Amino acid sequence: MLVLSRKPGQSILIGDNIEIQIIEVQGDQIRIGISAPRDISIVRKELIDEVRQTNREAVVDNSRISLEFLGKVLKK
């Protein structure tokens, strides 16, 4: 992992077409601006993590339901 220090107004370039600019620093929060081509998806990591966790829980819940259903069918 590359760790950089930046001040408001300074930027970081990723490749030729992605720029991350530090907009503002207030206490423990940093506002950033990201310029990238429209075909580059930009999503907050915590949202992706939440969706993944929800999907994992849904798979586990569906597995339990399927096993319960299978058990009932086999008893008949």
N, C-alpha and C. Protein backbone atom coordinates (compact mmCIF):
# COMPACT_ATOMS: atom_id res chain seq x y z
N MET A 1 0.84 -1.17 0.00
CA MET A 1 0.00 0.00 0.00
C MET A 1 0.89 1.24 0.00
N LEU A 2 0.59 2.15 -0.87
CA LEU A 2 1.29 3.42 -0.92
C LEU A 2 0.57 4.40 0.01
N VAL A 3 1.30 5.03 0.89
CA VAL A 3 0.72 6.00 1.83
C VAL A 3 1.32 7.36 1.51
N LEU A 4 0.46 8.35 1.24
CA LEU A 4 0.90 9.69 0.91
C LEU A 4 0.26 10.71 1.83
N SER A 5 0.96 11.80 2.07
CA SER A 5 0.38 12.94 2.78
C SER A 5 0.01 13.98 1.74
N ARG A 6 -1.14 14.54 1.83
CA ARG A 6 -1.61 15.56 0.90
C ARG A 6 -2.28 16.67 1.70
N LYS A 7 -2.29 17.85 1.13
CA LYS A 7 -2.96 19.01 1.72
C LYS A 7 -4.14 19.38 0.84
N PRO A 8 -5.10 20.14 1.39
CA PRO A 8 -6.22 20.58 0.54
C PRO A 8 -5.72 21.27 -0.73
N GLY A 9 -6.33 20.91 -1.84
CA GLY A 9 -5.95 21.46 -3.14
C GLY A 9 -4.94 20.59 -3.88
N GLN A 10 -4.29 19.68 -3.17
CA GLN A 10 -3.34 18.79 -3.82
C GLN A 10 -4.05 17.54 -4.35
N SER A 11 -3.42 16.88 -5.31
CA SER A 11 -4.05 15.73 -5.97
C SER A 11 -3.12 14.53 -6.02
N ILE A 12 -3.71 13.41 -6.33
CA ILE A 12 -3.00 12.16 -6.60
C ILE A 12 -3.51 11.67 -7.95
N LEU A 13 -2.61 11.26 -8.82
CA LEU A 13 -3.00 10.72 -10.12
C LEU A 13 -2.83 9.20 -10.11
N ILE A 14 -3.82 8.50 -10.63
CA ILE A 14 -3.75 7.05 -10.80
C ILE A 14 -3.85 6.79 -12.30
N GLY A 15 -2.78 6.28 -12.86
CA GLY A 15 -2.73 6.12 -14.30
C GLY A 15 -2.79 7.47 -14.98
N ASP A 16 -3.32 7.48 -16.20
CA ASP A 16 -3.40 8.73 -16.97
C ASP A 16 -4.72 9.46 -16.82
N ASN A 17 -5.74 8.77 -16.24
CA ASN A 17 -7.06 9.37 -16.33
C ASN A 17 -7.87 9.35 -15.04
N ILE A 18 -7.24 9.09 -13.90
CA ILE A 18 -7.95 9.16 -12.63
C ILE A 18 -7.21 10.12 -11.71
N GLU A 19 -7.93 11.12 -11.22
CA GLU A 19 -7.35 12.11 -10.31
C GLU A 19 -8.17 12.14 -9.02
N ILE A 20 -7.48 12.07 -7.90
CA ILE A 20 -8.11 12.18 -6.59
C ILE A 20 -7.59 13.47 -5.97
N GLN A 21 -8.50 14.40 -5.71
CA GLN A 21 -8.10 15.70 -5.17
C GLN A 21 -8.61 15.84 -3.74
N ILE A 22 -7.75 16.34 -2.86
CA ILE A 22 -8.16 16.63 -1.49
C ILE A 22 -8.88 17.98 -1.52
N ILE A 23 -10.14 17.96 -1.14
CA ILE A 23 -10.96 19.17 -1.19
C ILE A 23 -10.89 19.92 0.15
N GLU A 24 -11.06 19.17 1.24
CA GLU A 24 -11.15 19.84 2.54
C GLU A 24 -10.81 18.84 3.64
N VAL A 25 -10.18 19.33 4.71
CA VAL A 25 -9.90 18.52 5.88
C VAL A 25 -10.52 19.22 7.08
N GLN A 26 -11.42 18.50 7.79
CA GLN A 26 -12.04 19.05 8.99
C GLN A 26 -11.99 17.99 10.07
N GLY A 27 -11.15 18.18 11.07
CA GLY A 27 -11.03 17.20 12.14
C GLY A 27 -10.59 15.86 11.59
N ASP A 28 -11.42 14.83 11.83
CA ASP A 28 -11.07 13.48 11.37
C ASP A 28 -11.76 13.12 10.06
N GLN A 29 -12.31 14.11 9.36
CA GLN A 29 -12.94 13.85 8.07
C GLN A 29 -12.20 14.57 6.95
N ILE A 30 -12.14 13.89 5.82
CA ILE A 30 -11.49 14.45 4.63
C ILE A 30 -12.50 14.38 3.49
N ARG A 31 -12.69 15.49 2.80
CA ARG A 31 -13.54 15.49 1.60
C ARG A 31 -12.62 15.37 0.40
N ILE A 32 -12.94 14.41 -0.47
CA ILE A 32 -12.13 14.21 -1.67
C ILE A 32 -13.01 14.33 -2.90
N GLY A 33 -12.38 14.70 -3.99
CA GLY A 33 -13.05 14.71 -5.29
C GLY A 33 -12.34 13.71 -6.19
N ILE A 34 -13.11 12.97 -6.96
CA ILE A 34 -12.52 11.96 -7.84
C ILE A 34 -12.96 12.25 -9.27
N SER A 35 -12.00 12.43 -10.15
CA SER A 35 -12.27 12.59 -11.58
C SER A 35 -11.79 11.32 -12.27
N ALA A 36 -12.73 10.66 -12.96
CA ALA A 36 -12.41 9.41 -13.65
C ALA A 36 -13.35 9.25 -14.83
N PRO A 37 -12.97 8.45 -15.81
CA PRO A 37 -13.87 8.18 -16.92
C PRO A 37 -15.18 7.55 -16.43
N ARG A 38 -16.24 7.78 -17.16
CA ARG A 38 -17.56 7.27 -16.76
C ARG A 38 -17.62 5.75 -16.65
N ASP A 39 -16.76 5.06 -17.39
CA ASP A 39 -16.81 3.60 -17.35
C ASP A 39 -16.08 3.01 -16.14
N ILE A 40 -15.50 3.85 -15.30
CA ILE A 40 -14.85 3.41 -14.06
C ILE A 40 -15.86 3.53 -12.94
N SER A 41 -16.14 2.42 -12.28
CA SER A 41 -17.08 2.40 -11.16
C SER A 41 -16.38 2.92 -9.90
N ILE A 42 -17.03 3.87 -9.22
CA ILE A 42 -16.51 4.41 -7.97
C ILE A 42 -17.58 4.21 -6.91
N VAL A 43 -17.26 3.38 -5.91
CA VAL A 43 -18.23 3.03 -4.87
C VAL A 43 -17.52 3.05 -3.53
N ARG A 44 -18.22 3.51 -2.49
CA ARG A 44 -17.64 3.48 -1.15
C ARG A 44 -17.49 2.02 -0.70
N LYS A 45 -16.33 1.68 -0.18
CA LYS A 45 -16.02 0.30 0.19
C LYS A 45 -17.00 -0.25 1.21
N GLU A 46 -17.41 0.57 2.18
CA GLU A 46 -18.32 0.06 3.22
C GLU A 46 -19.66 -0.38 2.63
N LEU A 47 -20.08 0.23 1.52
CA LEU A 47 -21.32 -0.20 0.88
C LEU A 47 -21.15 -1.57 0.23
N ILE A 48 -20.02 -1.77 -0.43
CA ILE A 48 -19.72 -3.07 -1.03
C ILE A 48 -19.64 -4.14 0.06
N ASP A 49 -18.97 -3.82 1.17
CA ASP A 49 -18.86 -4.78 2.27
C ASP A 49 -20.23 -5.14 2.82
N GLU A 50 -21.11 -4.15 2.94
CA GLU A 50 -22.46 -4.39 3.46
C GLU A 50 -23.27 -5.29 2.52
N VAL A 51 -23.17 -5.05 1.23
CA VAL A 51 -23.87 -5.88 0.24
C VAL A 51 -23.34 -7.31 0.30
N ARG A 52 -22.04 -7.46 0.38
CA ARG A 52 -21.45 -8.81 0.46
C ARG A 52 -21.93 -9.55 1.69
N GLN A 53 -21.97 -8.86 2.83
CA GLN A 53 -22.43 -9.49 4.07
C GLN A 53 -23.89 -9.88 3.96
N THR A 54 -24.71 -9.02 3.40
CA THR A 54 -26.12 -9.32 3.21
C THR A 54 -26.29 -10.53 2.30
N ASN A 55 -25.49 -10.60 1.24
CA ASN A 55 -25.55 -11.75 0.34
C ASN A 55 -25.15 -13.04 1.05
N ARG A 56 -24.10 -12.97 1.87
CA ARG A 56 -23.68 -14.16 2.63
C ARG A 56 -24.79 -14.63 3.55
N GLU A 57 -25.42 -13.68 4.25
CA GLU A 57 -26.51 -14.03 5.16
C GLU A 57 -27.68 -14.64 4.40
N ALA A 58 -27.98 -14.11 3.23
CA ALA A 58 -29.09 -14.64 2.43
C ALA A 58 -28.80 -16.07 1.99
N VAL A 59 -27.57 -16.35 1.63
CA VAL A 59 -27.20 -17.71 1.22
C VAL A 59 -27.35 -18.67 2.39
N VAL A 60 -26.89 -18.26 3.57
CA VAL A 60 -27.00 -19.11 4.76
C VAL A 60 -28.47 -19.34 5.09
N ASP A 61 -29.27 -18.28 5.09
CA ASP A 61 -30.70 -18.41 5.39
C ASP A 61 -31.39 -19.32 4.39
N ASN A 62 -31.10 -19.16 3.10
CA ASN A 62 -31.71 -20.00 2.08
C ASN A 62 -31.26 -21.45 2.22
N SER A 63 -30.03 -21.68 2.62
CA SER A 63 -29.54 -23.04 2.82
C SER A 63 -30.30 -23.71 3.95
N ARG A 64 -30.55 -22.99 5.01
CA ARG A 64 -31.30 -23.54 6.14
C ARG A 64 -32.71 -23.90 5.72
N ILE A 65 -33.34 -22.98 4.99
CA ILE A 65 -34.70 -23.24 4.53
C ILE A 65 -34.72 -24.46 3.62
N SER A 66 -33.78 -24.56 2.72
CA SER A 66 -33.73 -25.67 1.80
C SER A 66 -33.51 -26.98 2.54
N LEU A 67 -32.64 -26.99 3.55
CA LEU A 67 -32.39 -28.20 4.31
C LEU A 67 -33.62 -28.60 5.12
N GLU A 68 -34.29 -27.61 5.70
CA GLU A 68 -35.52 -27.91 6.45
C GLU A 68 -36.58 -28.49 5.51
N PHE A 69 -36.74 -27.89 4.36
CA PHE A 69 -37.71 -28.38 3.38
C PHE A 69 -37.36 -29.79 2.93
N LEU A 70 -36.09 -30.03 2.65
CA LEU A 70 -35.64 -31.34 2.21
C LEU A 70 -35.91 -32.39 3.30
N GLY A 71 -35.65 -32.02 4.54
CA GLY A 71 -35.93 -32.94 5.66
C GLY A 71 -37.39 -33.32 5.73
N LYS A 72 -38.29 -32.36 5.54
CA LYS A 72 -39.73 -32.62 5.58
C LYS A 72 -40.15 -33.51 4.42
N VAL A 73 -39.59 -33.25 3.25
CA VAL A 73 -39.93 -34.04 2.06
C VAL A 73 -39.47 -35.48 2.25
N LEU A 74 -38.28 -35.68 2.79
CA LEU A 74 -37.74 -37.02 2.96
C LEU A 74 -38.54 -37.82 4.01
N LYS A 75 -39.11 -37.15 4.98
CA LYS A 75 -39.91 -37.84 6.01
C LYS A 75 -41.20 -38.37 5.41
N LYS A 76 -41.71 -37.71 4.40
CA LYS A 76 -42.97 -38.14 3.77
C LYS A 76 -42.68 -39.32 2.96
